[in-house]
Amino acid sequence: MIPIQEITDRNQTLSQELLVIWENAVRATHLFLTPQDIEDLRPLVLQGIAEIRHLITYTHPEGHSLGFIGIQDQKIEMLFVDPAARGQGIGKELVTYAIHTLNVHSVDVNEDNPQAAGFYEHLGFRVYSRSEQDEQGKPWPILHMRL
């Protein structure tokens, strides 16, 4: 089994599996979010999983997902790795695949998530601008990065 696969069948089981990865990853890395914030974001994430143009997973040989990336218009819109699998190169492999296969060149990162900003900087992305609020108008500053 090839670990990186573009998903064409976005069924309920897969969506729930990816939602669990998202929530666990967010709880481990997005320390600025409250439990209520996470609860409020859950339907938006499910919508994103359902509608994003390219949804790519990294799958364990046993068949369950360890991480996923969502790409829209050559931009990384979401990248989440199961916290139990962090540090194994999964995020890097997903981003590298997206750069080489889908010509990805940009990403937005929560400023209050310095691990993510550092991860993308390590892969060659640089901050070119900053927004005081996220796309939903929440007071979470966003760093706009590109290769």
Foldseek 3Di string as FASTA:
>chain_A
DQQKDWDDDLDPVLLVLQLVQVLQQCVVFVVVDDPVNNVVCSVVSSVCSVDAPTKMFGADPVGGTQWIWGDHPLETEDTGGRPVCPPVCRRVVRVVCSCVPVVRWKYKDFPSRVVVVVVVVVVPKDFDDKDCADPVRHRTIITIITD
